[in-house]
Amino acid sequence: MSLLDKIYQAQKNISGVAVHTPLMKNENWSDEFAANIWLKREDLQPVRSYKIRGAYNKIVSLSETDKSKGVVCASAGNHSQGVAFACNKLNILATIFMPVTTPKQKIKQVKLFGKDKVVIILKGDTYDESFFEASQFCKKQEAIFIHPFDDEEVIAGQGTVGLELIKDAQKPIDYLFVPIGGGGLASGICTVFKQLSPTTKIIGVEPSGAASMKTSITNKKNTTLNEIDRFVDGAAVKRVGENNFSICKDILHDIILVPEGKVCTTILRLYNEEAIVVEPAGALTIAALDFYKEKIKGKNVVCIISGSNNDITRTEEIRERSLLYEGLKHYFLIQFPQRPGALKEFVNDVLGPNDDITYFQFSKKNNRENGPEVVGIELKNKNDFLKIEELLTRRKFKFQYLNNNSDLFTYLIS
């Protein structure tokens, strides 16, 4: 059976479980980019991400013997919720390994979807450690491991998104933007469109700090990254799947790398302007439009919103990263004279009427002429930054700019 045939079978398997999500035209983004921008709303699935498709298709396809052994997965995110939901529906026991550092909110969601069919085991400080523990457990218990992306049945389940797009699109799709983590969704989409809509240009989107597919395609072999930025957690993997790389390397038209700060700006815009809540990975494809704005003019464009499992406790970090990316927040290490009136002089002579001090660490030391103080400033207009640097120099403040010094920034601010 070909992979496309498996995708058609998966569509039958998940019917009545996964939602046929809407393809919605967004007028604001369409006007902004002078194109027809459509959003595939996978954030509206019962588990708030497309992961239910692959997880359910894999588990329902198991033999009765394998089902009786129970299933295992390692995930702190959407995959674990998809597995939990599927096992509750199918009356199968699931053992889910999650890192000890997993937020309580995510643990609670997995329990909510899986109910009494889920056992959660917190092991390891990272996903890789949790994955290792899950693998060892499978060997000892002879349970069935449900991989989050590198599995044909999982890929087939995710590929059903492509079948729905083909059916629902009112006109041929010129550009389709797909988020890439491990590559399960992208490889399923590529399989469908290669045969059913070969003229559609499929654009993969990865976070800049986790460019595993881009790196692998550039190297012409599946490549493991040494380090990644895990902020876009739903799409941050060190190595994509072998099956996924094999499919995507020949079909993807392009891969765009989106800075994490740009992702944060998009999350805030979607919430404030569209009342759409997305997780970082869910904002990737829309964030990528800015990097393709000349090519998509007048075209029919689809962006897949992959999920909305965003932890509200991350809101301040999202806002901070957005401001830093947009050039609206700046941190300085300033040598303040240790005398009365020095701070007042800084506020009156350096800051403008719309500049706001949002971070300040000050400790007066009477036995020193100058003392280093960390100052965070939020601007209304990013162009005011050069004026602040100029005034600091003119007023003879000794200072060091921290935004571009990642080590010192992390040590003093994060």
Protein backbone atom coordinates (compact mmCIF):
# COMPACT_ATOMS: atom_id res chain seq x y z
CA MET A 1 0.00 0.00 0.00
CA SER A 2 1.41 3.40 -0.99
CA LEU A 3 1.68 6.19 1.58
CA LEU A 4 -1.07 8.12 -0.20
CA ASP A 5 -3.34 5.08 0.08
CA LYS A 6 -2.52 4.95 3.78
CA ILE A 7 -3.51 8.60 4.09
CA TYR A 8 -6.89 7.85 2.49
CA GLN A 9 -7.29 4.95 4.92
CA ALA A 10 -6.31 7.20 7.80
CA GLN A 11 -9.04 9.62 6.82
CA LYS A 12 -11.56 6.84 7.37
CA ASN A 13 -9.87 5.74 10.60
CA ILE A 14 -10.04 9.16 12.27
CA SER A 15 -13.52 10.07 11.04
CA GLY A 16 -15.68 11.08 13.98
CA VAL A 17 -12.64 11.52 16.24
CA ALA A 18 -10.52 14.25 14.67
CA VAL A 19 -12.42 17.29 13.41
CA HIS A 20 -12.46 18.30 9.75
CA THR A 21 -11.16 21.75 10.64
CA PRO A 22 -12.26 24.87 8.74
CA LEU A 23 -10.23 26.66 6.08
CA MET A 24 -10.94 30.31 6.87
CA LYS A 25 -10.02 33.35 4.80
CA ASN A 26 -8.41 36.10 6.86
CA GLU A 27 -9.24 39.53 5.48
CA ASN A 28 -6.69 41.47 7.56
CA TRP A 29 -3.72 39.39 6.48
CA SER A 30 -5.06 39.24 2.90
CA ASP A 31 -5.18 43.05 2.72
CA GLU A 32 -1.75 43.40 4.28
CA PHE A 33 -0.05 41.07 1.80
CA ALA A 34 -2.28 41.81 -1.23
CA ALA A 35 -3.04 38.10 -1.47
CA ASN A 36 -5.77 35.63 -0.55
CA ILE A 37 -4.60 34.32 2.84
CA TRP A 38 -6.41 31.28 4.20
CA LEU A 39 -5.89 29.74 7.64
CA LYS A 40 -6.23 26.00 8.21
CA ARG A 41 -7.44 25.98 11.82
CA GLU A 42 -5.91 22.85 13.39
CA ASP A 43 -6.01 24.73 16.70
CA LEU A 44 -9.72 23.83 16.74
CA GLN A 45 -9.11 20.08 17.16
CA PRO A 46 -10.42 18.47 20.39
CA VAL A 47 -6.85 18.41 21.77
CA ARG A 48 -6.15 21.82 20.22
CA SER A 49 -3.59 20.56 17.70
CA TYR A 50 -3.31 18.34 14.62
CA LYS A 51 -1.46 15.69 16.65
CA ILE A 52 -4.69 13.81 17.35
CA ARG A 53 -4.73 12.73 13.70
CA GLY A 54 -1.45 10.83 13.69
CA ALA A 55 -1.69 9.49 17.23
CA TYR A 56 -5.19 8.10 16.75
CA ASN A 57 -4.45 6.62 13.33
CA LYS A 58 -1.36 4.84 14.64
CA ILE A 59 -3.06 3.41 17.72
CA VAL A 60 -6.28 2.35 16.00
CA SER A 61 -4.19 0.57 13.35
CA LEU A 62 -2.45 -1.66 15.89
CA SER A 63 -3.31 -5.34 16.07
CA GLU A 64 -5.47 -6.50 18.96
CA THR A 65 -2.40 -8.23 20.42
CA ASP A 66 -0.39 -5.01 20.36
CA LYS A 67 -3.28 -3.00 21.78
CA SER A 68 -3.46 -5.37 24.73
CA LYS A 69 0.20 -4.63 25.54
CA GLY A 70 -0.54 -0.93 26.01
CA VAL A 71 1.21 1.97 24.33
CA VAL A 72 4.00 4.30 25.40
CA CYS A 73 5.08 7.76 24.31
CA ALA A 74 7.53 10.43 25.41
CA SER A 75 6.28 13.99 25.09
CA ALA A 76 5.70 17.11 27.13
CA GLY A 77 3.38 18.60 24.56
CA ASN A 78 0.74 18.01 21.92
CA HIS A 79 1.74 14.45 21.02
CA SER A 80 1.13 13.23 24.58
CA GLN A 81 -2.30 14.85 24.55
CA GLY A 82 -3.15 13.20 21.23
CA VAL A 83 -2.06 9.80 22.54
CA ALA A 84 -4.01 10.29 25.77
CA PHE A 85 -7.17 11.30 23.90
CA ALA A 86 -6.87 8.35 21.50
CA CYS A 87 -6.32 5.80 24.28
CA ASN A 88 -9.30 7.07 26.22
CA LYS A 89 -11.46 6.68 23.11
CA LEU A 90 -10.10 3.22 22.31
CA ASN A 91 -9.97 1.93 25.89
CA ILE A 92 -6.23 1.27 25.74
CA LEU A 93 -3.74 1.89 28.53
CA ALA A 94 -1.10 4.53 27.80
CA THR A 95 2.09 5.19 29.74
CA ILE A 96 3.33 8.67 29.01
CA PHE A 97 6.84 9.79 29.94
CA MET A 98 7.34 13.51 30.51
CA PRO A 99 10.38 15.46 31.76
CA VAL A 100 10.35 16.40 35.44
CA THR A 101 10.43 20.05 34.29
CA THR A 102 7.07 19.78 32.47
CA PRO A 103 4.67 22.57 33.58
CA LYS A 104 1.78 21.38 35.76
CA GLN A 105 -0.68 22.77 33.24
CA LYS A 106 0.52 20.33 30.56
CA ILE A 107 0.44 17.37 32.94
CA LYS A 108 -3.10 18.31 33.91
CA GLN A 109 -4.17 18.48 30.25
CA VAL A 110 -2.83 15.00 29.52
CA LYS A 111 -4.74 13.62 32.51
CA LEU A 112 -7.85 15.47 31.37
CA PHE A 113 -7.77 13.92 27.90
CA GLY A 114 -6.67 10.45 28.97
CA LYS A 115 -8.62 10.10 32.21
CA ASP A 116 -8.09 6.66 33.79
CA LYS A 117 -6.38 5.26 30.69
CA VAL A 118 -3.21 7.26 31.23
CA VAL A 119 -0.28 6.75 33.59
CA ILE A 120 2.16 9.68 33.64
CA ILE A 121 5.77 9.06 34.62
CA LEU A 122 8.02 12.08 35.17
CA LYS A 123 11.58 11.10 34.28
CA GLY A 124 14.62 13.13 33.22
CA ASP A 125 15.26 16.85 32.97
CA THR A 126 14.95 17.01 29.17
CA TYR A 127 12.89 15.40 26.41
CA ASP A 128 15.87 13.32 25.31
CA GLU A 129 16.24 11.84 28.80
CA SER A 130 12.50 11.19 28.99
CA PHE A 131 12.61 9.55 25.53
CA PHE A 132 15.40 7.24 26.70
CA GLU A 133 13.40 6.20 29.77
CA ALA A 134 10.34 5.52 27.62
CA SER A 135 12.43 3.35 25.26
CA GLN A 136 13.80 1.32 28.15
CA PHE A 137 10.30 0.88 29.56
CA CYS A 138 9.06 -0.42 26.19
CA LYS A 139 11.79 -3.04 26.07
CA LYS A 140 11.06 -4.29 29.57
CA GLN A 141 7.27 -4.26 29.28
CA GLU A 142 7.09 -5.19 25.56
CA ALA A 143 4.76 -2.23 25.11
CA ILE A 144 4.25 -0.41 21.79
CA PHE A 145 6.04 2.89 21.34
CA ILE A 146 4.10 5.64 19.56
CA HIS A 147 6.65 7.89 17.88
CA PRO A 148 5.59 11.55 17.55
CA PHE A 149 6.59 11.84 13.87
CA ASP A 150 8.91 9.16 12.45
CA ASP A 151 6.27 6.52 11.69
CA GLU A 152 4.27 5.88 8.50
CA GLU A 153 0.92 5.53 10.28
CA VAL A 154 1.53 8.78 12.14
CA ILE A 155 2.56 10.51 8.91
CA ALA A 156 -0.57 9.14 7.23
CA GLY A 157 -2.74 10.58 9.98
CA GLN A 158 -1.14 14.01 9.68
CA GLY A 159 -1.48 13.78 5.90
CA THR A 160 -5.25 13.91 6.21
CA VAL A 161 -4.83 17.67 6.71
CA GLY A 162 -3.76 17.75 3.05
CA LEU A 163 -6.81 15.84 1.85
CA GLU A 164 -9.06 18.34 3.62
CA LEU A 165 -7.22 21.25 2.03
CA ILE A 166 -7.63 19.78 -1.45
CA LYS A 167 -11.34 19.34 -0.83
CA ASP A 168 -12.01 22.72 0.79
CA ALA A 169 -9.87 25.07 -1.31
CA GLN A 170 -12.10 27.22 -3.52
CA LYS A 171 -9.26 27.81 -5.97
CA PRO A 172 -5.93 26.05 -6.61
CA ILE A 173 -3.47 26.74 -3.80
CA ASP A 174 -0.38 28.56 -5.02
CA TYR A 175 1.59 28.53 -1.75
CA LEU A 176 1.12 26.30 1.28
CA PHE A 177 3.07 27.19 4.44
CA VAL A 178 3.64 24.21 6.75
CA PRO A 179 5.31 24.26 10.19
CA ILE A 180 8.13 21.74 10.65
CA GLY A 181 9.27 20.14 13.89
CA GLY A 182 10.08 16.48 13.43
CA GLY A 183 8.49 16.59 9.97
CA GLY A 184 5.42 14.39 10.42
CA LEU A 185 2.91 16.97 9.22
CA ALA A 186 5.16 18.25 6.43
CA SER A 187 5.85 14.78 5.03
CA GLY A 188 2.16 13.90 5.06
CA ILE A 189 1.27 17.18 3.32
CA CYS A 190 4.06 16.70 0.76
CA THR A 191 2.82 13.21 -0.10
CA VAL A 192 -0.71 14.45 -0.76
CA PHE A 193 0.17 17.55 -2.76
CA LYS A 194 2.89 15.93 -4.85
CA GLN A 195 0.22 13.72 -6.42
CA LEU A 196 -3.00 15.73 -6.10
CA SER A 197 -1.76 19.32 -6.53
CA PRO A 198 1.81 19.23 -7.87
CA THR A 199 1.84 22.93 -8.86
CA THR A 200 1.40 24.05 -5.24
CA LYS A 201 4.64 25.33 -3.75
CA ILE A 202 5.03 23.87 -0.26
CA ILE A 203 7.03 26.14 2.03
CA GLY A 204 8.34 24.57 5.23
CA VAL A 205 8.76 26.87 8.23
CA GLU A 206 11.13 26.26 11.12
CA PRO A 207 12.19 28.40 14.09
CA SER A 208 15.65 29.92 13.55
CA GLY A 209 16.93 28.27 16.70
CA ALA A 210 15.96 24.75 15.61
CA ALA A 211 16.62 24.49 11.88
CA SER A 212 16.95 20.70 11.77
CA MET A 213 15.20 20.11 8.41
CA LYS A 214 16.89 23.06 6.71
CA THR A 215 20.29 21.90 7.95
CA SER A 216 19.64 18.32 6.85
CA ILE A 217 18.55 19.31 3.35
CA THR A 218 21.56 21.61 3.02
CA ASN A 219 23.87 18.78 4.14
CA LYS A 220 22.02 16.26 1.93
CA LYS A 221 21.74 13.91 4.89
CA ASN A 222 19.69 13.80 8.07
CA THR A 223 21.70 15.82 10.56
CA THR A 224 21.45 16.10 14.34
CA LEU A 225 21.85 19.62 15.70
CA ASN A 226 24.15 20.04 18.69
CA GLU A 227 22.06 22.75 20.36
CA ILE A 228 18.60 24.20 19.81
CA ASP A 229 16.47 27.02 21.18
CA ARG A 230 13.50 25.21 22.75
CA PHE A 231 11.22 28.25 22.95
CA VAL A 232 9.08 27.14 19.98
CA ASP A 233 8.65 23.85 21.78
CA GLY A 234 6.19 22.30 19.35
CA ALA A 235 8.70 22.63 16.50
CA ALA A 236 12.07 22.44 18.26
CA VAL A 237 13.77 19.10 17.64
CA LYS A 238 17.46 18.29 17.21
CA ARG A 239 16.81 15.73 14.48
CA VAL A 240 13.91 15.20 12.10
CA GLY A 241 12.55 11.73 11.35
CA GLU A 242 14.28 9.50 8.81
CA ASN A 243 11.04 8.87 6.92
CA ASN A 244 10.18 12.54 7.10
CA PHE A 245 13.53 13.72 5.76
CA SER A 246 13.37 11.20 2.93
CA ILE A 247 10.02 12.60 1.78
CA CYS A 248 10.52 16.31 2.42
CA LYS A 249 13.99 16.72 0.89
CA ASP A 250 12.69 16.25 -2.65
CA ILE A 251 9.28 17.90 -2.40
CA LEU A 252 9.58 21.02 -0.25
CA HIS A 253 9.95 24.09 -2.46
CA ASP A 254 11.70 26.11 0.24
CA ILE A 255 12.27 26.35 3.99
CA ILE A 256 12.00 29.64 5.87
CA LEU A 257 13.67 30.17 9.23
CA VAL A 258 11.70 32.51 11.47
CA PRO A 259 13.33 34.24 14.47
CA GLU A 260 11.73 33.36 17.79
CA GLY A 261 11.05 37.05 18.47
CA LYS A 262 9.09 37.33 15.22
CA VAL A 263 7.03 34.33 16.32
CA CYS A 264 6.20 36.16 19.56
CA THR A 265 5.11 39.29 17.71
CA THR A 266 2.79 37.15 15.59
CA ILE A 267 1.31 35.41 18.65
CA LEU A 268 0.42 38.80 20.14
CA ARG A 269 -1.03 40.09 16.87
CA LEU A 270 -3.21 37.02 16.41
CA TYR A 271 -4.56 37.40 19.93
CA ASN A 272 -5.08 41.17 19.87
CA GLU A 273 -6.38 41.54 16.31
CA GLU A 274 -8.03 38.19 15.54
CA ALA A 275 -8.88 36.79 19.00
CA ILE A 276 -6.98 33.63 18.02
CA VAL A 277 -4.87 31.96 20.70
CA VAL A 278 -1.89 30.02 19.35
CA GLU A 279 1.18 28.34 20.77
CA PRO A 280 4.58 29.39 19.36
CA ALA A 281 4.62 26.60 16.76
CA GLY A 282 1.09 27.58 15.73
CA ALA A 283 2.27 31.07 14.77
CA LEU A 284 5.20 29.96 12.60
CA THR A 285 3.49 29.93 9.22
CA ILE A 286 1.87 33.35 9.57
CA ALA A 287 5.14 34.80 10.87
CA ALA A 288 6.80 33.49 7.70
CA LEU A 289 4.58 35.55 5.37
CA ASP A 290 6.73 38.66 5.87
CA PHE A 291 9.69 36.80 4.37
CA TYR A 292 7.68 35.90 1.24
CA LYS A 293 5.59 39.03 0.80
CA GLU A 294 6.80 39.87 -2.72
CA LYS A 295 6.30 36.33 -4.03
CA ILE A 296 2.78 35.80 -2.68
CA LYS A 297 1.19 39.00 -4.01
CA GLY A 298 -2.02 38.14 -5.84
CA LYS A 299 -1.67 34.46 -4.95
CA ASN A 300 -3.85 31.97 -3.09
CA VAL A 301 -1.99 31.17 0.12
CA VAL A 302 -2.74 28.72 2.94
CA CYS A 303 -1.10 28.85 6.38
CA ILE A 304 -1.56 25.91 8.73
CA ILE A 305 -2.15 26.95 12.33
CA SER A 306 -0.91 23.81 14.00
CA GLY A 307 -2.01 24.29 17.61
CA SER A 308 -3.15 26.50 20.46
CA ASN A 309 -1.77 24.83 23.58
CA ASN A 310 -0.14 27.96 24.94
CA ASP A 311 0.69 28.16 28.65
CA ILE A 312 -0.59 31.51 29.98
CA THR A 313 2.41 31.73 32.31
CA ARG A 314 4.57 32.30 29.21
CA THR A 315 2.78 35.52 28.28
CA GLU A 316 5.34 37.89 29.79
CA GLU A 317 8.22 36.02 28.14
CA ILE A 318 6.40 36.18 24.80
CA ARG A 319 5.90 39.93 25.15
CA GLU A 320 9.54 40.45 26.17
CA ARG A 321 10.89 38.48 23.20
CA SER A 322 8.60 40.38 20.85
CA LEU A 323 9.75 43.78 22.14
CA LEU A 324 13.41 42.79 21.85
CA TYR A 325 12.90 41.56 18.29
CA GLU A 326 10.99 44.69 17.27
CA GLY A 327 13.73 46.93 18.66
CA LEU A 328 11.43 48.41 21.29
CA LYS A 329 13.22 47.17 24.41
CA HIS A 330 16.87 47.71 25.26
CA TYR A 331 19.06 46.85 28.20
CA PHE A 332 22.17 48.73 29.29
CA LEU A 333 24.82 48.26 31.93
CA ILE A 334 25.46 51.89 32.96
CA GLN A 335 28.16 53.24 35.27
CA PHE A 336 26.22 55.72 37.44
CA PRO A 337 28.15 58.31 39.47
CA GLN A 338 27.59 57.48 43.14
CA ARG A 339 26.20 60.90 44.05
CA PRO A 340 22.76 62.41 44.62
CA GLY A 341 20.95 63.44 41.47
CA ALA A 342 22.70 61.03 39.08
CA LEU A 343 19.54 59.05 38.34
CA LYS A 344 17.50 62.24 37.95
CA GLU A 345 20.07 63.51 35.45
CA PHE A 346 19.76 60.27 33.46
CA VAL A 347 15.96 60.45 33.36
CA ASN A 348 15.80 64.15 32.48
CA ASP A 349 18.71 64.40 30.06
CA VAL A 350 18.77 61.00 28.33
CA LEU A 351 15.24 59.59 28.24
CA GLY A 352 12.52 61.04 26.03
CA PRO A 353 8.93 61.72 27.12
CA ASN A 354 7.71 58.38 25.70
CA ASP A 355 10.57 56.22 27.00
CA ASP A 356 9.79 53.98 29.97
CA ILE A 357 12.17 52.37 32.47
CA THR A 358 10.89 48.81 32.88
CA TYR A 359 13.89 47.25 34.61
CA PHE A 360 16.32 48.76 37.09
CA GLN A 361 18.89 47.20 39.38
CA PHE A 362 20.57 49.78 41.58
CA SER A 363 22.66 49.43 44.70
CA LYS A 364 24.41 52.53 46.02
CA LYS A 365 28.01 51.99 47.12
CA ASN A 366 29.34 55.04 49.00
CA ASN A 367 32.94 53.89 48.83
CA ARG A 368 33.07 54.02 45.03
CA GLU A 369 32.93 56.84 42.48
CA ASN A 370 30.84 54.83 39.99
CA GLY A 371 28.60 51.79 40.23
CA PRO A 372 27.29 49.49 37.46
CA GLU A 373 23.50 49.45 37.22
CA VAL A 374 21.34 47.44 34.82
CA VAL A 375 18.62 49.47 33.11
CA GLY A 376 15.86 48.22 30.81
CA ILE A 377 14.13 50.81 28.60
CA GLU A 378 10.98 50.32 26.54
CA LEU A 379 10.43 52.63 23.57
CA LYS A 380 7.37 53.70 21.64
CA ASN A 381 9.43 54.13 18.46
CA LYS A 382 12.41 51.92 17.70
CA ASN A 383 14.15 54.82 15.93
CA ASP A 384 14.58 56.56 19.31
CA PHE A 385 17.26 54.02 20.28
CA LEU A 386 20.07 55.81 18.45
CA LYS A 387 19.16 59.06 20.20
CA ILE A 388 19.48 57.37 23.62
CA GLU A 389 22.92 56.02 22.77
CA GLU A 390 23.96 59.45 21.53
CA LEU A 391 22.77 61.20 24.70
CA LEU A 392 24.43 58.63 26.96
CA THR A 393 27.71 59.35 25.21
CA ARG A 394 27.20 63.13 25.23
CA ARG A 395 26.39 63.15 28.96
CA LYS A 396 29.53 61.07 29.55
CA PHE A 397 27.77 58.03 30.98
CA LYS A 398 29.94 54.96 30.62
CA PHE A 399 27.72 52.15 29.39
CA GLN A 400 27.60 48.74 27.75
CA TYR A 401 24.73 47.65 25.48
CA LEU A 402 23.48 44.24 26.58
CA ASN A 403 21.01 43.13 23.89
CA ASN A 404 23.80 41.93 21.58
CA ASN A 405 25.86 40.33 24.35
CA SER A 406 24.01 37.05 24.84
CA ASP A 407 26.18 35.69 27.67
CA LEU A 408 26.07 38.88 29.76
CA PHE A 409 22.38 39.39 28.94
CA THR A 410 21.51 35.91 30.15
CA TYR A 411 23.54 36.36 33.31
CA LEU A 412 22.17 39.79 34.26
CA ILE A 413 18.60 39.71 32.90
CA SER A 414 17.22 36.24 32.23
